[in-house]
Amino acid sequence: MSETREKILEVARTLYEAEGAEGLSMRRVAEGVGVSATAIYRHFESKEALVMAICAEEFSIFERYLVRGLRGRGAMERLMLTGDGYLAFAVEHPKAYRAMFMAQHPDFLRLKAEAEAAFSPTFLFLVDRVAECQREGVIGPGDVQEQATQIWASCHGFAALLLDGHLGYSEAAWASPEVQARYRRHTTALVEGLRPRPAAR
């Protein structure tokens, strides 16, 4: 990566973290870097492409949050801690989370393949945690990717509702013990539904 591209991403990410995609413009990034707006376009074809590059970096950070799950002492604890890391990233990086998982701009759809490639390692990490739970017998048999998708969908649903204000918490309360406890009850109920069923008599 060239030094200019690195500087562009650094300035753009600072703006993005402060104001979100709506506050990010090629002109403002160019001013922060000390180059012309035309020079920015030599590295990124559009604002959306620049945001996607920022998101690719955010996916690396997101992965580090999920990997906290490896601190757990058993498969189920590792899965639950992975889920905790998911929420922690969402509340500590809300603008990035929205762009990564909630953006609906048509140009983001055009860049969907790039976003999926960035997301793939983090999803595979969740798949590994589910497979581990199956091997230990704490989650019932089934399609591992389907079960991982169910967990992801549930975690994302809670995070999205929280960030959009539908759960009744202010931004200041997102990282509160109350929200964390409510989220844990939510994920625990989901995982309980995946536990092995007793054999029918």
N, C-alpha and C. Protein backbone atom coordinates (compact mmCIF):
# COMPACT_ATOMS: atom_id res chain seq x y z
N MET A 1 0.85 -1.19 0.00
CA MET A 1 0.00 0.00 0.00
C MET A 1 0.89 1.24 0.00
N SER A 2 0.60 2.19 -0.90
CA SER A 2 1.42 3.39 -0.99
C SER A 2 1.21 4.28 0.23
N GLU A 3 2.20 5.14 0.47
CA GLU A 3 2.10 6.04 1.61
C GLU A 3 0.91 6.98 1.47
N THR A 4 0.64 7.45 0.24
CA THR A 4 -0.51 8.35 0.03
C THR A 4 -1.82 7.64 0.32
N ARG A 5 -1.95 6.39 -0.14
CA ARG A 5 -3.18 5.64 0.11
C ARG A 5 -3.38 5.42 1.60
N GLU A 6 -2.30 5.10 2.30
CA GLU A 6 -2.40 4.92 3.75
C GLU A 6 -2.86 6.21 4.43
N LYS A 7 -2.33 7.34 3.99
CA LYS A 7 -2.72 8.62 4.59
C LYS A 7 -4.18 8.92 4.29
N ILE A 8 -4.62 8.63 3.06
CA ILE A 8 -6.02 8.84 2.70
C ILE A 8 -6.92 8.03 3.62
N LEU A 9 -6.59 6.76 3.82
CA LEU A 9 -7.41 5.90 4.68
C LEU A 9 -7.39 6.38 6.12
N GLU A 10 -6.25 6.84 6.58
CA GLU A 10 -6.15 7.34 7.96
C GLU A 10 -7.06 8.54 8.17
N VAL A 11 -7.00 9.52 7.25
CA VAL A 11 -7.83 10.72 7.37
C VAL A 11 -9.30 10.37 7.21
N ALA A 12 -9.59 9.52 6.22
CA ALA A 12 -10.98 9.14 5.96
C ALA A 12 -11.58 8.40 7.14
N ARG A 13 -10.80 7.52 7.75
CA ARG A 13 -11.34 6.77 8.88
C ARG A 13 -11.60 7.68 10.08
N THR A 14 -10.74 8.67 10.29
CA THR A 14 -10.96 9.62 11.39
C THR A 14 -12.26 10.38 11.17
N LEU A 15 -12.49 10.85 9.96
CA LEU A 15 -13.74 11.55 9.63
C LEU A 15 -14.92 10.61 9.79
N TYR A 16 -14.75 9.40 9.32
CA TYR A 16 -15.85 8.43 9.32
C TYR A 16 -16.25 8.07 10.74
N GLU A 17 -15.27 7.83 11.59
CA GLU A 17 -15.57 7.49 12.99
C GLU A 17 -16.26 8.64 13.70
N ALA A 18 -15.94 9.88 13.31
CA ALA A 18 -16.53 11.05 13.97
C ALA A 18 -17.91 11.37 13.44
N GLU A 19 -18.12 11.22 12.13
CA GLU A 19 -19.35 11.73 11.52
C GLU A 19 -20.11 10.73 10.66
N GLY A 20 -19.57 9.54 10.47
CA GLY A 20 -20.25 8.56 9.64
C GLY A 20 -20.07 8.84 8.16
N ALA A 21 -20.67 7.98 7.33
CA ALA A 21 -20.51 8.10 5.88
C ALA A 21 -21.03 9.43 5.36
N GLU A 22 -22.10 9.95 5.99
CA GLU A 22 -22.68 11.21 5.51
C GLU A 22 -21.74 12.39 5.74
N GLY A 23 -20.85 12.28 6.70
CA GLY A 23 -19.92 13.38 6.96
C GLY A 23 -18.60 13.24 6.23
N LEU A 24 -18.49 12.17 5.46
CA LEU A 24 -17.25 11.91 4.73
C LEU A 24 -17.40 12.37 3.28
N SER A 25 -16.49 13.20 2.83
CA SER A 25 -16.49 13.63 1.43
C SER A 25 -15.07 13.56 0.89
N MET A 26 -14.96 13.36 -0.41
CA MET A 26 -13.63 13.30 -1.03
C MET A 26 -12.90 14.63 -0.85
N ARG A 27 -13.65 15.71 -0.88
CA ARG A 27 -13.04 17.03 -0.72
C ARG A 27 -12.43 17.18 0.66
N ARG A 28 -13.17 16.79 1.69
CA ARG A 28 -12.66 16.91 3.05
C ARG A 28 -11.47 15.99 3.29
N VAL A 29 -11.53 14.80 2.71
CA VAL A 29 -10.39 13.88 2.85
C VAL A 29 -9.17 14.48 2.16
N ALA A 30 -9.37 15.03 0.96
CA ALA A 30 -8.25 15.63 0.23
C ALA A 30 -7.62 16.77 1.03
N GLU A 31 -8.46 17.60 1.65
CA GLU A 31 -7.95 18.70 2.47
C GLU A 31 -7.13 18.17 3.64
N GLY A 32 -7.61 17.10 4.26
CA GLY A 32 -6.90 16.53 5.40
C GLY A 32 -5.57 15.90 5.01
N VAL A 33 -5.51 15.34 3.82
CA VAL A 33 -4.28 14.71 3.35
C VAL A 33 -3.31 15.74 2.79
N GLY A 34 -3.88 16.84 2.26
CA GLY A 34 -3.04 17.86 1.64
C GLY A 34 -2.80 17.61 0.17
N VAL A 35 -3.79 16.99 -0.48
CA VAL A 35 -3.71 16.75 -1.93
C VAL A 35 -5.00 17.23 -2.57
N SER A 36 -5.07 17.18 -3.88
CA SER A 36 -6.28 17.57 -4.59
C SER A 36 -7.29 16.43 -4.54
N ALA A 37 -8.57 16.78 -4.72
CA ALA A 37 -9.61 15.75 -4.75
C ALA A 37 -9.35 14.77 -5.89
N THR A 38 -8.81 15.27 -7.00
CA THR A 38 -8.50 14.40 -8.14
C THR A 38 -7.51 13.32 -7.74
N ALA A 39 -6.56 13.67 -6.88
CA ALA A 39 -5.57 12.69 -6.43
C ALA A 39 -6.22 11.56 -5.64
N ILE A 40 -7.27 11.87 -4.89
CA ILE A 40 -7.98 10.84 -4.14
C ILE A 40 -8.56 9.80 -5.10
N TYR A 41 -9.12 10.29 -6.21
CA TYR A 41 -9.77 9.38 -7.17
C TYR A 41 -8.78 8.48 -7.89
N ARG A 42 -7.51 8.79 -7.82
CA ARG A 42 -6.51 7.88 -8.40
C ARG A 42 -6.36 6.63 -7.54
N HIS A 43 -6.75 6.73 -6.28
CA HIS A 43 -6.64 5.59 -5.36
C HIS A 43 -7.99 4.93 -5.09
N PHE A 44 -9.07 5.72 -5.13
CA PHE A 44 -10.42 5.21 -4.86
C PHE A 44 -11.37 5.80 -5.89
N GLU A 45 -12.08 4.95 -6.59
CA GLU A 45 -12.91 5.41 -7.71
C GLU A 45 -14.14 6.21 -7.26
N SER A 46 -14.53 6.06 -6.00
CA SER A 46 -15.73 6.74 -5.51
C SER A 46 -15.68 6.82 -3.99
N LYS A 47 -16.57 7.62 -3.45
CA LYS A 47 -16.68 7.70 -1.99
C LYS A 47 -17.06 6.34 -1.42
N GLU A 48 -17.96 5.63 -2.11
CA GLU A 48 -18.40 4.33 -1.61
C GLU A 48 -17.25 3.33 -1.58
N ALA A 49 -16.37 3.38 -2.59
CA ALA A 49 -15.21 2.50 -2.60
C ALA A 49 -14.28 2.83 -1.44
N LEU A 50 -14.17 4.11 -1.12
CA LEU A 50 -13.34 4.52 0.02
C LEU A 50 -13.95 4.01 1.33
N VAL A 51 -15.26 4.13 1.46
CA VAL A 51 -15.93 3.63 2.67
C VAL A 51 -15.74 2.12 2.79
N MET A 52 -15.83 1.40 1.67
CA MET A 52 -15.64 -0.04 1.72
C MET A 52 -14.22 -0.39 2.16
N ALA A 53 -13.23 0.40 1.75
CA ALA A 53 -11.85 0.16 2.19
C ALA A 53 -11.73 0.38 3.69
N ILE A 54 -12.42 1.40 4.18
CA ILE A 54 -12.43 1.63 5.63
C ILE A 54 -13.08 0.43 6.33
N CYS A 55 -14.18 -0.04 5.76
CA CYS A 55 -14.89 -1.17 6.36
C CYS A 55 -14.02 -2.42 6.37
N ALA A 56 -13.20 -2.61 5.33
CA ALA A 56 -12.30 -3.77 5.31
C ALA A 56 -11.36 -3.73 6.51
N GLU A 57 -10.88 -2.53 6.84
CA GLU A 57 -10.04 -2.39 8.03
C GLU A 57 -10.85 -2.65 9.29
N GLU A 58 -12.11 -2.18 9.28
CA GLU A 58 -12.97 -2.40 10.45
C GLU A 58 -13.26 -3.89 10.64
N PHE A 59 -13.36 -4.65 9.54
CA PHE A 59 -13.58 -6.09 9.67
C PHE A 59 -12.41 -6.75 10.40
N SER A 60 -11.21 -6.23 10.17
CA SER A 60 -10.04 -6.77 10.89
C SER A 60 -10.17 -6.51 12.39
N ILE A 61 -10.66 -5.32 12.73
CA ILE A 61 -10.88 -4.99 14.14
C ILE A 61 -12.02 -5.85 14.70
N PHE A 62 -13.08 -5.99 13.91
CA PHE A 62 -14.23 -6.81 14.30
C PHE A 62 -13.78 -8.23 14.62
N GLU A 63 -12.90 -8.77 13.78
CA GLU A 63 -12.41 -10.12 14.02
C GLU A 63 -11.69 -10.23 15.36
N ARG A 64 -10.94 -9.19 15.72
CA ARG A 64 -10.23 -9.23 17.00
C ARG A 64 -11.22 -9.25 18.18
N TYR A 65 -12.37 -8.60 18.02
CA TYR A 65 -13.40 -8.66 19.06
C TYR A 65 -13.95 -10.08 19.19
N LEU A 66 -14.20 -10.73 18.06
CA LEU A 66 -14.75 -12.09 18.10
C LEU A 66 -13.75 -13.07 18.69
N VAL A 67 -12.48 -12.88 18.37
CA VAL A 67 -11.45 -13.82 18.83
C VAL A 67 -11.32 -13.82 20.35
N ARG A 68 -11.88 -12.80 21.00
CA ARG A 68 -11.90 -12.83 22.47
C ARG A 68 -12.58 -14.09 22.97
N GLY A 69 -13.44 -14.67 22.14
CA GLY A 69 -14.14 -15.89 22.53
C GLY A 69 -13.21 -17.04 22.85
N LEU A 70 -12.01 -17.03 22.30
CA LEU A 70 -11.07 -18.13 22.54
C LEU A 70 -10.58 -18.17 23.98
N ARG A 71 -10.89 -17.12 24.76
CA ARG A 71 -10.52 -17.13 26.17
C ARG A 71 -11.37 -18.11 26.98
N GLY A 72 -12.50 -18.54 26.42
CA GLY A 72 -13.40 -19.44 27.14
C GLY A 72 -12.77 -20.79 27.40
N ARG A 73 -13.23 -21.46 28.45
CA ARG A 73 -12.64 -22.74 28.86
C ARG A 73 -13.30 -23.95 28.23
N GLY A 74 -14.46 -23.76 27.63
CA GLY A 74 -15.13 -24.86 26.94
C GLY A 74 -15.80 -24.33 25.69
N ALA A 75 -16.31 -25.23 24.86
CA ALA A 75 -16.89 -24.83 23.58
C ALA A 75 -18.05 -23.85 23.76
N MET A 76 -18.94 -24.12 24.72
CA MET A 76 -20.10 -23.25 24.90
C MET A 76 -19.68 -21.88 25.41
N GLU A 77 -18.74 -21.85 26.35
CA GLU A 77 -18.27 -20.56 26.86
C GLU A 77 -17.59 -19.76 25.75
N ARG A 78 -16.83 -20.45 24.89
CA ARG A 78 -16.19 -19.75 23.77
C ARG A 78 -17.22 -19.19 22.80
N LEU A 79 -18.29 -19.94 22.57
CA LEU A 79 -19.35 -19.44 21.69
C LEU A 79 -20.02 -18.21 22.29
N MET A 80 -20.33 -18.25 23.59
CA MET A 80 -21.02 -17.13 24.23
C MET A 80 -20.12 -15.89 24.28
N LEU A 81 -18.83 -16.09 24.54
CA LEU A 81 -17.92 -14.95 24.56
C LEU A 81 -17.73 -14.35 23.17
N THR A 82 -17.82 -15.19 22.16
CA THR A 82 -17.78 -14.68 20.78
C THR A 82 -18.98 -13.77 20.54
N GLY A 83 -20.15 -14.20 21.01
CA GLY A 83 -21.34 -13.37 20.89
C GLY A 83 -21.21 -12.07 21.65
N ASP A 84 -20.60 -12.12 22.83
CA ASP A 84 -20.37 -10.89 23.60
C ASP A 84 -19.48 -9.93 22.83
N GLY A 85 -18.46 -10.48 22.16
CA GLY A 85 -17.56 -9.65 21.36
C GLY A 85 -18.29 -8.98 20.21
N TYR A 86 -19.28 -9.67 19.66
CA TYR A 86 -20.08 -9.11 18.56
C TYR A 86 -20.77 -7.83 19.02
N LEU A 87 -21.45 -7.90 20.14
CA LEU A 87 -22.15 -6.72 20.65
C LEU A 87 -21.17 -5.63 21.04
N ALA A 88 -20.06 -6.00 21.65
CA ALA A 88 -19.08 -5.00 22.07
C ALA A 88 -18.58 -4.19 20.87
N PHE A 89 -18.33 -4.87 19.76
CA PHE A 89 -17.89 -4.14 18.57
C PHE A 89 -18.99 -3.19 18.10
N ALA A 90 -20.23 -3.66 18.07
CA ALA A 90 -21.34 -2.84 17.57
C ALA A 90 -21.50 -1.56 18.38
N VAL A 91 -21.39 -1.66 19.71
CA VAL A 91 -21.62 -0.47 20.53
C VAL A 91 -20.40 0.44 20.61
N GLU A 92 -19.20 -0.12 20.39
CA GLU A 92 -18.00 0.69 20.44
C GLU A 92 -17.62 1.27 19.08
N HIS A 93 -18.16 0.69 18.01
CA HIS A 93 -17.89 1.18 16.64
C HIS A 93 -19.21 1.25 15.87
N PRO A 94 -20.19 2.00 16.36
CA PRO A 94 -21.53 1.97 15.76
C PRO A 94 -21.59 2.43 14.31
N LYS A 95 -20.83 3.47 13.95
CA LYS A 95 -20.87 3.95 12.57
C LYS A 95 -20.29 2.91 11.62
N ALA A 96 -19.19 2.30 12.03
CA ALA A 96 -18.60 1.24 11.21
C ALA A 96 -19.55 0.05 11.11
N TYR A 97 -20.18 -0.31 12.23
CA TYR A 97 -21.10 -1.45 12.22
C TYR A 97 -22.26 -1.20 11.24
N ARG A 98 -22.79 0.01 11.26
CA ARG A 98 -23.91 0.31 10.36
C ARG A 98 -23.47 0.18 8.90
N ALA A 99 -22.30 0.68 8.57
CA ALA A 99 -21.83 0.59 7.19
C ALA A 99 -21.55 -0.85 6.79
N MET A 100 -21.04 -1.64 7.72
CA MET A 100 -20.68 -3.02 7.42
C MET A 100 -21.89 -3.92 7.25
N PHE A 101 -22.93 -3.69 8.06
CA PHE A 101 -24.04 -4.64 8.10
C PHE A 101 -25.42 -4.04 7.83
N MET A 102 -25.53 -2.71 7.80
CA MET A 102 -26.86 -2.10 7.70
C MET A 102 -27.00 -1.13 6.52
N ALA A 103 -25.92 -0.90 5.75
CA ALA A 103 -25.98 0.07 4.65
C ALA A 103 -26.85 -0.45 3.52
N GLN A 104 -27.63 0.45 2.92
CA GLN A 104 -28.53 0.09 1.82
C GLN A 104 -28.28 0.92 0.56
N HIS A 105 -27.23 1.72 0.56
CA HIS A 105 -26.94 2.54 -0.61
C HIS A 105 -26.68 1.64 -1.81
N PRO A 106 -27.24 1.94 -3.00
CA PRO A 106 -27.08 1.06 -4.16
C PRO A 106 -25.63 0.79 -4.52
N ASP A 107 -24.74 1.77 -4.33
CA ASP A 107 -23.34 1.54 -4.66
C ASP A 107 -22.70 0.55 -3.70
N PHE A 108 -23.26 0.44 -2.47
CA PHE A 108 -22.75 -0.58 -1.57
C PHE A 108 -23.15 -1.96 -2.08
N LEU A 109 -24.33 -2.06 -2.67
CA LEU A 109 -24.76 -3.33 -3.23
C LEU A 109 -23.86 -3.72 -4.40
N ARG A 110 -23.41 -2.74 -5.17
CA ARG A 110 -22.50 -2.99 -6.28
C ARG A 110 -21.18 -3.56 -5.77
N LEU A 111 -20.80 -3.16 -4.57
CA LEU A 111 -19.54 -3.62 -3.98
C LEU A 111 -19.76 -4.77 -3.01
N LYS A 112 -20.93 -5.44 -3.13
CA LYS A 112 -21.32 -6.48 -2.18
C LYS A 112 -20.30 -7.62 -2.11
N ALA A 113 -19.77 -8.02 -3.26
CA ALA A 113 -18.82 -9.13 -3.27
C ALA A 113 -17.59 -8.80 -2.45
N GLU A 114 -17.13 -7.56 -2.54
CA GLU A 114 -15.96 -7.14 -1.77
C GLU A 114 -16.27 -7.19 -0.28
N ALA A 115 -17.46 -6.74 0.09
CA ALA A 115 -17.85 -6.76 1.50
C ALA A 115 -17.95 -8.19 2.01
N GLU A 116 -18.52 -9.09 1.21
CA GLU A 116 -18.65 -10.48 1.64
C GLU A 116 -17.28 -11.13 1.81
N ALA A 117 -16.33 -10.78 0.94
CA ALA A 117 -14.98 -11.33 1.07
C ALA A 117 -14.34 -10.88 2.38
N ALA A 118 -14.60 -9.63 2.76
CA ALA A 118 -14.05 -9.11 4.01
C ALA A 118 -14.72 -9.79 5.21
N PHE A 119 -16.02 -10.09 5.09
CA PHE A 119 -16.76 -10.67 6.21
C PHE A 119 -16.48 -12.16 6.39
N SER A 120 -16.13 -12.85 5.31
CA SER A 120 -16.03 -14.30 5.32
C SER A 120 -15.21 -14.88 6.48
N PRO A 121 -14.00 -14.36 6.78
CA PRO A 121 -13.24 -14.96 7.89
C PRO A 121 -13.94 -14.86 9.23
N THR A 122 -14.66 -13.78 9.46
CA THR A 122 -15.35 -13.63 10.74
C THR A 122 -16.51 -14.61 10.85
N PHE A 123 -17.21 -14.84 9.74
CA PHE A 123 -18.30 -15.81 9.76
C PHE A 123 -17.74 -17.22 9.96
N LEU A 124 -16.63 -17.52 9.32
CA LEU A 124 -16.02 -18.85 9.48
C LEU A 124 -15.57 -19.07 10.92
N PHE A 125 -15.16 -18.00 11.60
CA PHE A 125 -14.80 -18.13 13.01
C PHE A 125 -16.01 -18.57 13.82
N LEU A 126 -17.19 -17.99 13.53
CA LEU A 126 -18.41 -18.39 14.21
C LEU A 126 -18.78 -19.83 13.86
N VAL A 127 -18.63 -20.20 12.60
CA VAL A 127 -18.89 -21.58 12.17
C VAL A 127 -18.03 -22.55 12.97
N ASP A 128 -16.77 -22.20 13.17
CA ASP A 128 -15.86 -23.06 13.94
C ASP A 128 -16.34 -23.21 15.38
N ARG A 129 -16.85 -22.13 15.97
CA ARG A 129 -17.32 -22.22 17.35
C ARG A 129 -18.55 -23.13 17.43
N VAL A 130 -19.44 -23.04 16.45
CA VAL A 130 -20.63 -23.90 16.44
C VAL A 130 -20.21 -25.36 16.24
N ALA A 131 -19.30 -25.61 15.31
CA ALA A 131 -18.84 -26.98 15.07
C ALA A 131 -18.21 -27.57 16.33
N GLU A 132 -17.46 -26.75 17.05
CA GLU A 132 -16.85 -27.18 18.30
C GLU A 132 -17.92 -27.56 19.31
N CYS A 133 -18.98 -26.78 19.38
CA CYS A 133 -20.08 -27.09 20.31
C CYS A 133 -20.77 -28.39 19.92
N GLN A 134 -20.91 -28.62 18.62
CA GLN A 134 -21.50 -29.89 18.18
C GLN A 134 -20.61 -31.06 18.60
N ARG A 135 -19.31 -30.93 18.43
CA ARG A 135 -18.40 -32.03 18.78
C ARG A 135 -18.45 -32.33 20.27
N GLU A 136 -18.64 -31.29 21.09
CA GLU A 136 -18.72 -31.51 22.55
C GLU A 136 -20.12 -31.91 22.99
N GLY A 137 -21.07 -31.93 22.05
CA GLY A 137 -22.42 -32.37 22.38
C GLY A 137 -23.27 -31.37 23.11
N VAL A 138 -22.85 -30.07 23.10
CA VAL A 138 -23.64 -29.05 23.80
C VAL A 138 -24.59 -28.33 22.85
N ILE A 139 -24.45 -28.59 21.56
CA ILE A 139 -25.40 -28.15 20.54
C ILE A 139 -25.76 -29.39 19.73
N GLY A 140 -27.03 -29.51 19.39
CA GLY A 140 -27.48 -30.68 18.66
C GLY A 140 -26.95 -30.74 17.24
N PRO A 141 -27.02 -31.91 16.62
CA PRO A 141 -26.53 -32.04 15.25
C PRO A 141 -27.37 -31.22 14.29
N GLY A 142 -26.76 -30.87 13.17
CA GLY A 142 -27.45 -30.08 12.16
C GLY A 142 -26.45 -29.42 11.24
N ASP A 143 -26.95 -28.70 10.27
CA ASP A 143 -26.07 -27.99 9.35
C ASP A 143 -25.33 -26.89 10.11
N VAL A 144 -24.02 -26.96 10.17
CA VAL A 144 -23.23 -26.04 10.98
C VAL A 144 -23.39 -24.60 10.49
N GLN A 145 -23.32 -24.41 9.17
CA GLN A 145 -23.43 -23.05 8.64
C GLN A 145 -24.83 -22.47 8.88
N GLU A 146 -25.85 -23.33 8.80
CA GLU A 146 -27.21 -22.86 9.06
C GLU A 146 -27.36 -22.43 10.52
N GLN A 147 -26.84 -23.23 11.44
CA GLN A 147 -26.91 -22.87 12.85
C GLN A 147 -26.12 -21.59 13.13
N ALA A 148 -24.94 -21.46 12.50
CA ALA A 148 -24.14 -20.24 12.68
C ALA A 148 -24.90 -19.03 12.14
N THR A 149 -25.60 -19.20 11.03
CA THR A 149 -26.38 -18.10 10.46
C THR A 149 -27.51 -17.70 11.39
N GLN A 150 -28.15 -18.67 12.03
CA GLN A 150 -29.21 -18.37 13.00
C GLN A 150 -28.66 -17.52 14.14
N ILE A 151 -27.49 -17.90 14.63
CA ILE A 151 -26.88 -17.15 15.74
C ILE A 151 -26.50 -15.75 15.28
N TRP A 152 -25.87 -15.65 14.12
CA TRP A 152 -25.48 -14.34 13.58
C TRP A 152 -26.70 -13.44 13.40
N ALA A 153 -27.76 -14.00 12.79
CA ALA A 153 -28.97 -13.21 12.55
C ALA A 153 -29.55 -12.69 13.85
N SER A 154 -29.54 -13.53 14.88
CA SER A 154 -30.09 -13.11 16.17
C SER A 154 -29.23 -12.02 16.81
N CYS A 155 -27.90 -12.21 16.79
CA CYS A 155 -27.00 -11.20 17.37
C CYS A 155 -27.13 -9.88 16.60
N HIS A 156 -27.18 -9.97 15.28
CA HIS A 156 -27.30 -8.76 14.47
C HIS A 156 -28.63 -8.07 14.74
N GLY A 157 -29.70 -8.85 14.86
CA GLY A 157 -31.00 -8.26 15.12
C GLY A 157 -31.01 -7.45 16.40
N PHE A 158 -30.43 -7.99 17.45
CA PHE A 158 -30.36 -7.27 18.73
C PHE A 158 -29.53 -6.00 18.56
N ALA A 159 -28.35 -6.14 17.94
CA ALA A 159 -27.47 -4.98 17.78
C ALA A 159 -28.13 -3.89 16.94
N ALA A 160 -28.78 -4.28 15.84
CA ALA A 160 -29.42 -3.30 14.97
C ALA A 160 -30.56 -2.58 15.69
N LEU A 161 -31.37 -3.32 16.42
CA LEU A 161 -32.46 -2.69 17.17
C LEU A 161 -31.92 -1.74 18.22
N LEU A 162 -30.83 -2.14 18.86
CA LEU A 162 -30.21 -1.29 19.88
C LEU A 162 -29.70 0.01 19.27
N LEU A 163 -28.92 -0.09 18.18
CA LEU A 163 -28.32 1.10 17.57
C LEU A 163 -29.37 2.02 16.96
N ASP A 164 -30.49 1.45 16.52
CA ASP A 164 -31.55 2.28 15.93
C ASP A 164 -32.52 2.82 16.96
N GLY A 165 -32.27 2.54 18.24
CA GLY A 165 -33.09 3.12 19.30
C GLY A 165 -34.38 2.38 19.61
N HIS A 166 -34.58 1.20 19.02
CA HIS A 166 -35.84 0.49 19.20
C HIS A 166 -35.95 -0.25 20.52
N LEU A 167 -34.83 -0.38 21.25
CA LEU A 167 -34.88 -1.06 22.55
C LEU A 167 -35.00 -0.07 23.70
N GLY A 168 -35.06 1.22 23.39
CA GLY A 168 -35.31 2.23 24.42
C GLY A 168 -34.10 2.71 25.18
N TYR A 169 -32.89 2.40 24.71
CA TYR A 169 -31.68 2.85 25.41
C TYR A 169 -31.03 4.01 24.66
N SER A 170 -30.52 4.96 25.41
CA SER A 170 -29.76 6.05 24.80
C SER A 170 -28.38 5.54 24.42
N GLU A 171 -27.69 6.29 23.56
CA GLU A 171 -26.35 5.88 23.15
C GLU A 171 -25.42 5.74 24.36
N ALA A 172 -25.61 6.58 25.35
CA ALA A 172 -24.76 6.53 26.54
C ALA A 172 -24.92 5.21 27.31
N ALA A 173 -26.06 4.53 27.11
CA ALA A 173 -26.34 3.30 27.86
C ALA A 173 -26.03 2.04 27.06
N TRP A 174 -25.57 2.18 25.83
CA TRP A 174 -25.36 1.00 24.99
C TRP A 174 -24.41 -0.02 25.62
N ALA A 175 -23.36 0.47 26.27
CA ALA A 175 -22.36 -0.44 26.85
C ALA A 175 -22.62 -0.72 28.32
N SER A 176 -23.81 -0.40 28.81
CA SER A 176 -24.12 -0.56 30.23
C SER A 176 -24.28 -2.03 30.60
N PRO A 177 -24.06 -2.37 31.88
CA PRO A 177 -24.29 -3.74 32.34
C PRO A 177 -25.71 -4.22 32.07
N GLU A 178 -26.68 -3.29 32.14
CA GLU A 178 -28.08 -3.68 31.90
C GLU A 178 -28.26 -4.19 30.47
N VAL A 179 -27.70 -3.47 29.50
CA VAL A 179 -27.82 -3.90 28.11
C VAL A 179 -27.06 -5.22 27.90
N GLN A 180 -25.87 -5.32 28.46
CA GLN A 180 -25.08 -6.54 28.31
C GLN A 180 -25.81 -7.74 28.90
N ALA A 181 -26.46 -7.55 30.04
CA ALA A 181 -27.20 -8.65 30.67
C ALA A 181 -28.40 -9.04 29.82
N ARG A 182 -29.08 -8.04 29.28
CA ARG A 182 -30.24 -8.33 28.43
C ARG A 182 -29.80 -9.09 27.17
N TYR A 183 -28.69 -8.67 26.60
CA TYR A 183 -28.16 -9.35 25.41
C TYR A 183 -27.77 -10.79 25.74
N ARG A 184 -27.15 -10.99 26.89
CA ARG A 184 -26.75 -12.35 27.30
C ARG A 184 -27.99 -13.24 27.45
N ARG A 185 -29.07 -12.69 28.03
CA ARG A 185 -30.31 -13.47 28.14
C ARG A 185 -30.83 -13.83 26.75
N HIS A 186 -30.72 -12.89 25.84
CA HIS A 186 -31.18 -13.10 24.46
C HIS A 186 -30.37 -14.22 23.80
N THR A 187 -29.04 -14.15 23.87
CA THR A 187 -28.21 -15.15 23.21
C THR A 187 -28.30 -16.50 23.92
N THR A 188 -28.45 -16.48 25.24
CA THR A 188 -28.58 -17.74 25.98
C THR A 188 -29.85 -18.46 25.57
N ALA A 189 -30.96 -17.72 25.44
CA ALA A 189 -32.22 -18.34 25.03
C ALA A 189 -32.10 -18.96 23.64
N LEU A 190 -31.39 -18.26 22.76
CA LEU A 190 -31.19 -18.79 21.41
C LEU A 190 -30.40 -20.08 21.44
N VAL A 191 -29.28 -20.08 22.15
CA VAL A 191 -28.41 -21.26 22.19
C VAL A 191 -29.10 -22.43 22.89
N GLU A 192 -29.91 -22.12 23.91
CA GLU A 192 -30.65 -23.19 24.59
C GLU A 192 -31.54 -23.94 23.59
N GLY A 193 -32.08 -23.20 22.63
CA GLY A 193 -32.93 -23.83 21.62
C GLY A 193 -32.16 -24.74 20.67
N LEU A 194 -30.84 -24.60 20.64
CA LEU A 194 -30.00 -25.44 19.79
C LEU A 194 -29.42 -26.64 20.53
N ARG A 195 -29.69 -26.76 21.82
CA ARG A 195 -29.13 -27.87 22.59
C ARG A 195 -29.75 -29.20 22.10
N PRO A 196 -29.03 -30.29 22.31
CA PRO A 196 -29.55 -31.60 21.86
C PRO A 196 -30.89 -31.93 22.52
N ARG A 197 -31.77 -32.53 21.76
CA ARG A 197 -33.07 -32.95 22.29
C ARG A 197 -32.96 -34.38 22.84
N PRO A 198 -33.66 -34.65 23.97
CA PRO A 198 -33.67 -36.05 24.47
C PRO A 198 -34.30 -36.97 23.43
N ALA A 199 -33.77 -38.17 23.35
CA ALA A 199 -34.33 -39.13 22.39
C ALA A 199 -35.75 -39.50 22.78
N ALA A 200 -36.63 -39.57 21.77
CA ALA A 200 -38.04 -39.93 22.02
C ALA A 200 -38.12 -41.38 22.47
N ARG A 201 -38.98 -41.63 23.43
CA ARG A 201 -39.17 -43.01 23.92
C ARG A 201 -40.26 -43.70 23.14
